[in-house]
N, C-alpha and C. Protein backbone atom coordinates (compact mmCIF):
# COMPACT_ATOMS: atom_id res chain seq x y z
N MET A 1 16.67 -0.72 13.05
CA MET A 1 16.37 0.86 12.67
C MET A 1 16.43 1.04 10.64
N TYR A 2 14.87 1.95 10.83
CA TYR A 2 14.95 2.27 9.54
C TYR A 2 14.77 3.63 9.21
N ARG A 3 15.51 4.02 8.39
CA ARG A 3 15.81 5.56 7.88
C ARG A 3 15.47 5.92 6.81
N VAL A 4 13.95 6.44 6.57
CA VAL A 4 14.08 6.60 5.05
C VAL A 4 13.54 8.16 4.96
N TYR A 5 14.46 9.22 3.84
CA TYR A 5 14.93 10.47 4.13
C TYR A 5 14.91 10.32 2.31
N VAL A 6 14.47 12.25 1.56
CA VAL A 6 15.30 12.54 0.67
C VAL A 6 16.46 13.22 0.97
N LEU A 7 17.41 13.18 -0.14
CA LEU A 7 19.07 14.08 0.42
C LEU A 7 19.02 14.88 -1.13
N LYS A 8 19.45 15.59 -0.74
CA LYS A 8 18.83 16.99 -2.12
C LYS A 8 20.84 17.09 -2.27
N GLN A 9 21.18 16.63 -3.63
CA GLN A 9 23.03 16.48 -4.11
C GLN A 9 23.10 17.48 -4.30
N ARG A 10 24.06 18.30 -4.47
CA ARG A 10 24.61 19.35 -4.82
C ARG A 10 26.19 19.72 -4.42
N LYS A 11 26.92 20.34 -5.25
CA LYS A 11 28.49 20.77 -5.53
C LYS A 11 29.29 20.86 -3.59
N GLY A 12 29.79 20.15 -3.37
CA GLY A 12 30.10 20.42 -1.95
C GLY A 12 29.75 19.50 -0.80
N GLY A 13 28.68 19.28 -0.90
CA GLY A 13 28.23 18.12 -0.14
C GLY A 13 26.34 17.71 -0.22
N SER A 14 25.86 17.51 -0.13
CA SER A 14 24.37 16.67 0.47
C SER A 14 23.53 17.38 1.57
N GLU A 15 22.12 17.59 1.42
CA GLU A 15 21.84 17.63 2.85
C GLU A 15 20.05 16.83 2.51
N VAL A 16 19.97 16.62 4.24
CA VAL A 16 18.71 15.92 4.63
C VAL A 16 17.75 16.72 4.38
N LEU A 17 16.66 16.51 3.51
CA LEU A 17 15.36 17.01 3.96
C LEU A 17 14.59 16.78 5.25
N ALA A 18 15.02 17.58 6.13
CA ALA A 18 14.25 17.93 7.60
C ALA A 18 12.65 16.71 7.58
N GLU A 19 12.04 17.53 6.39
CA GLU A 19 11.29 17.77 7.12
C GLU A 19 10.04 16.27 6.05
N THR A 20 11.15 15.30 5.53
CA THR A 20 11.10 14.35 5.11
C THR A 20 11.35 13.11 5.70
N LYS A 21 12.15 12.96 7.15
CA LYS A 21 13.01 12.03 7.37
C LYS A 21 11.46 11.32 8.75
N THR A 22 11.95 9.83 8.05
CA THR A 22 11.20 9.38 8.64
C THR A 22 12.23 8.23 9.13
N GLN A 23 11.68 7.94 10.94
CA GLN A 23 13.10 6.53 11.77
C GLN A 23 11.52 5.97 12.39
N THR A 24 12.18 4.50 12.05
CA THR A 24 11.18 3.56 13.04
C THR A 24 11.92 1.86 12.72
N ASN A 25 10.99 1.08 13.76
CA ASN A 25 11.57 -0.73 13.62
C ASN A 25 10.70 -0.98 12.65
N SER A 26 10.17 -0.68 12.05
CA SER A 26 8.91 -1.00 11.25
C SER A 26 9.07 -1.00 9.94
N PHE A 27 9.05 -2.06 9.07
CA PHE A 27 9.45 -2.07 7.26
C PHE A 27 7.90 -1.72 7.07
N ALA A 28 7.11 -2.14 7.40
CA ALA A 28 5.98 -1.64 6.65
C ALA A 28 5.48 0.18 7.26
N THR A 29 5.88 0.71 7.97
CA THR A 29 6.23 2.14 8.29
C THR A 29 7.04 2.48 7.23
N ALA A 30 7.75 1.92 7.32
CA ALA A 30 9.52 2.37 6.39
C ALA A 30 8.86 2.42 4.86
N SER A 31 8.26 1.46 4.81
CA SER A 31 8.04 1.20 3.13
C SER A 31 6.50 2.57 2.98
N ALA A 32 5.40 2.46 3.72
CA ALA A 32 4.63 3.66 3.54
C ALA A 32 5.32 5.12 3.25
N ALA A 33 6.47 5.01 4.15
CA ALA A 33 6.39 6.77 3.71
C ALA A 33 7.92 6.41 2.57
N PHE A 34 8.24 5.47 2.17
CA PHE A 34 9.12 5.71 1.46
C PHE A 34 7.84 6.22 0.07
N TRP A 35 6.84 5.10 -0.05
CA TRP A 35 6.67 5.22 -1.37
C TRP A 35 5.54 6.45 -1.71
N GLU A 36 5.34 7.18 0.02
CA GLU A 36 4.52 7.99 -0.23
C GLU A 36 5.58 9.45 -0.13
N LEU A 37 6.96 9.13 -0.03
CA LEU A 37 7.98 10.12 -0.64
C LEU A 37 8.13 10.49 -2.40
N HIS A 38 8.37 8.78 -2.04
CA HIS A 38 8.01 9.00 -3.78
C HIS A 38 7.39 9.41 -4.63
N GLN A 39 6.33 9.40 -4.39
CA GLN A 39 5.15 10.73 -5.65
C GLN A 39 5.72 12.11 -5.13
N GLN A 40 6.42 12.82 -4.29
CA GLN A 40 6.47 13.99 -4.49
C GLN A 40 7.09 14.34 -5.91
N ASP A 41 7.18 16.02 -6.24
CA ASP A 41 7.78 16.51 -6.88
C ASP A 41 8.93 17.15 -6.39
N PHE A 42 10.39 16.41 -6.98
CA PHE A 42 11.41 16.61 -6.92
C PHE A 42 12.22 16.76 -7.82
N ASP A 43 12.73 17.70 -7.91
CA ASP A 43 13.89 17.46 -9.52
C ASP A 43 14.95 15.75 -8.66
N ALA A 44 16.04 16.02 -10.41
CA ALA A 44 16.91 15.05 -10.72
C ALA A 44 17.87 15.26 -9.53
N LYS A 45 18.33 16.28 -8.70
CA LYS A 45 19.01 16.56 -7.97
C LYS A 45 18.65 15.93 -6.53
N HIS A 46 17.29 15.55 -6.38
CA HIS A 46 16.79 14.39 -5.31
C HIS A 46 16.98 12.87 -5.30
N LEU A 47 17.43 12.33 -4.15
CA LEU A 47 17.68 10.93 -3.94
C LEU A 47 16.89 10.68 -2.56
N LEU A 48 16.31 9.95 -3.02
CA LEU A 48 15.57 8.86 -1.58
C LEU A 48 15.85 8.16 -1.20
N LEU A 49 16.27 8.03 -0.07
CA LEU A 49 16.25 6.64 0.56
C LEU A 49 16.31 6.21 1.34
N MET A 50 16.78 4.91 1.91
CA MET A 50 15.91 3.52 2.83
C MET A 50 17.19 3.03 3.39
N SER A 51 17.12 2.76 4.63
CA SER A 51 18.64 2.51 5.08
C SER A 51 17.81 1.42 6.49
N LYS A 52 18.47 0.18 6.62
CA LYS A 52 18.76 -0.63 7.77
C LYS A 52 19.94 -0.61 8.20
N ASP A 53 19.31 -0.06 9.93
CA ASP A 53 21.04 -0.31 10.41
C ASP A 53 22.14 0.00 10.07
N ASN A 54 21.89 1.69 9.09
CA ASN A 54 23.72 2.33 8.81
C ASN A 54 23.14 2.00 7.56
N LYS A 55 23.02 0.75 6.74
CA LYS A 55 23.04 0.11 5.73
C LYS A 55 22.55 0.78 4.61
N GLN A 56 22.13 1.47 3.14
CA GLN A 56 21.22 2.03 2.12
C GLN A 56 20.59 0.44 1.78
N ILE A 57 19.46 0.37 1.67
CA ILE A 57 18.74 -0.52 1.21
C ILE A 57 17.67 -0.75 0.33
N ASN A 58 17.53 0.90 -0.43
CA ASN A 58 16.37 1.43 -1.58
C ASN A 58 17.43 2.69 -1.69
N ALA A 59 17.10 2.66 -3.46
CA ALA A 59 17.37 3.80 -3.54
C ALA A 59 16.48 4.44 -4.71
N TYR A 60 15.32 5.70 -4.92
CA TYR A 60 15.02 6.16 -6.22
C TYR A 60 15.29 7.39 -6.40
N ARG A 61 16.76 7.36 -7.73
CA ARG A 61 16.19 9.42 -8.37
C ARG A 61 15.29 9.99 -8.71
N TYR A 62 14.53 11.11 -8.61
CA TYR A 62 13.22 11.03 -8.64
C TYR A 62 13.86 12.16 -10.07
N GLN A 63 12.38 11.76 -10.80
CA GLN A 63 13.04 11.69 -12.38
C GLN A 63 13.69 11.20 -13.29
N SER A 64 13.83 9.93 -12.28
CA SER A 64 14.76 8.83 -13.24
C SER A 64 13.72 8.07 -14.24
N LYS A 65 14.38 7.46 -15.02
CA LYS A 65 13.78 6.03 -16.18
C LYS A 65 14.01 5.24 -15.58
N ALA A 66 13.04 4.08 -16.39
CA ALA A 66 13.61 2.34 -15.85
C ALA A 66 14.64 2.16 -17.26
N GLY A 67 16.24 1.45 -16.13
CA GLY A 67 16.65 1.38 -17.10
C GLY A 67 18.21 2.15 -16.05
N GLU A 68 18.06 3.64 -15.62
CA GLU A 68 18.48 4.15 -15.12
C GLU A 68 18.87 3.96 -13.54
N ARG A 69 20.05 3.67 -13.18
CA ARG A 69 20.76 3.89 -11.16
C ARG A 69 19.90 4.56 -10.52
N ASP A 70 19.08 3.79 -9.49
CA ASP A 70 18.61 4.09 -8.61
C ASP A 70 17.42 4.65 -9.32
N PHE A 71 16.79 3.67 -10.86
CA PHE A 71 15.01 3.82 -10.99
C PHE A 71 14.79 3.02 -10.26
N LEU A 72 13.46 2.62 -8.76
CA LEU A 72 12.58 2.05 -8.61
C LEU A 72 11.05 2.35 -9.00
N GLU A 73 10.18 1.77 -9.62
CA GLU A 73 8.70 1.70 -9.97
C GLU A 73 8.22 1.95 -9.15
N LEU A 74 7.29 2.55 -9.34
CA LEU A 74 6.13 3.34 -8.06
C LEU A 74 5.28 1.16 -7.87
N GLY A 75 5.76 0.82 -6.82
CA GLY A 75 5.16 -0.39 -6.54
C GLY A 75 5.47 -1.35 -6.76
N ALA A 76 6.87 -1.28 -6.65
CA ALA A 76 8.06 -2.53 -7.24
C ALA A 76 8.86 -3.05 -5.66
N ASN A 77 8.47 -4.66 -5.17
CA ASN A 77 9.28 -5.01 -4.22
C ASN A 77 10.39 -3.96 -3.30
N LEU A 78 10.40 -3.91 -2.72
CA LEU A 78 11.24 -3.37 -1.69
C LEU A 78 11.86 -4.20 -0.76
N ASN A 79 13.62 -3.65 -0.88
CA ASN A 79 14.34 -4.56 0.15
C ASN A 79 13.82 -4.02 1.34
N ASP A 80 14.60 -5.44 2.31
CA ASP A 80 14.33 -5.08 4.03
C ASP A 80 15.56 -5.49 4.24
């Protein structure tokens, strides 16, 4: 099972933004959701995650730049 969602990180814990959640058995559907959310306008306190069977497989930090941890260029190959 793939899950895609945006996590808002803050002191004292993190919050999953419910309106961003996608859960599917299809990698193609999960990928489409990931790239759609990738283009949303969140700040650097937000992290876009894709997991498969409860293991993180892809991550993108909003406003990150090439070479930084959790940077993923739009259209890059996603891990399955």
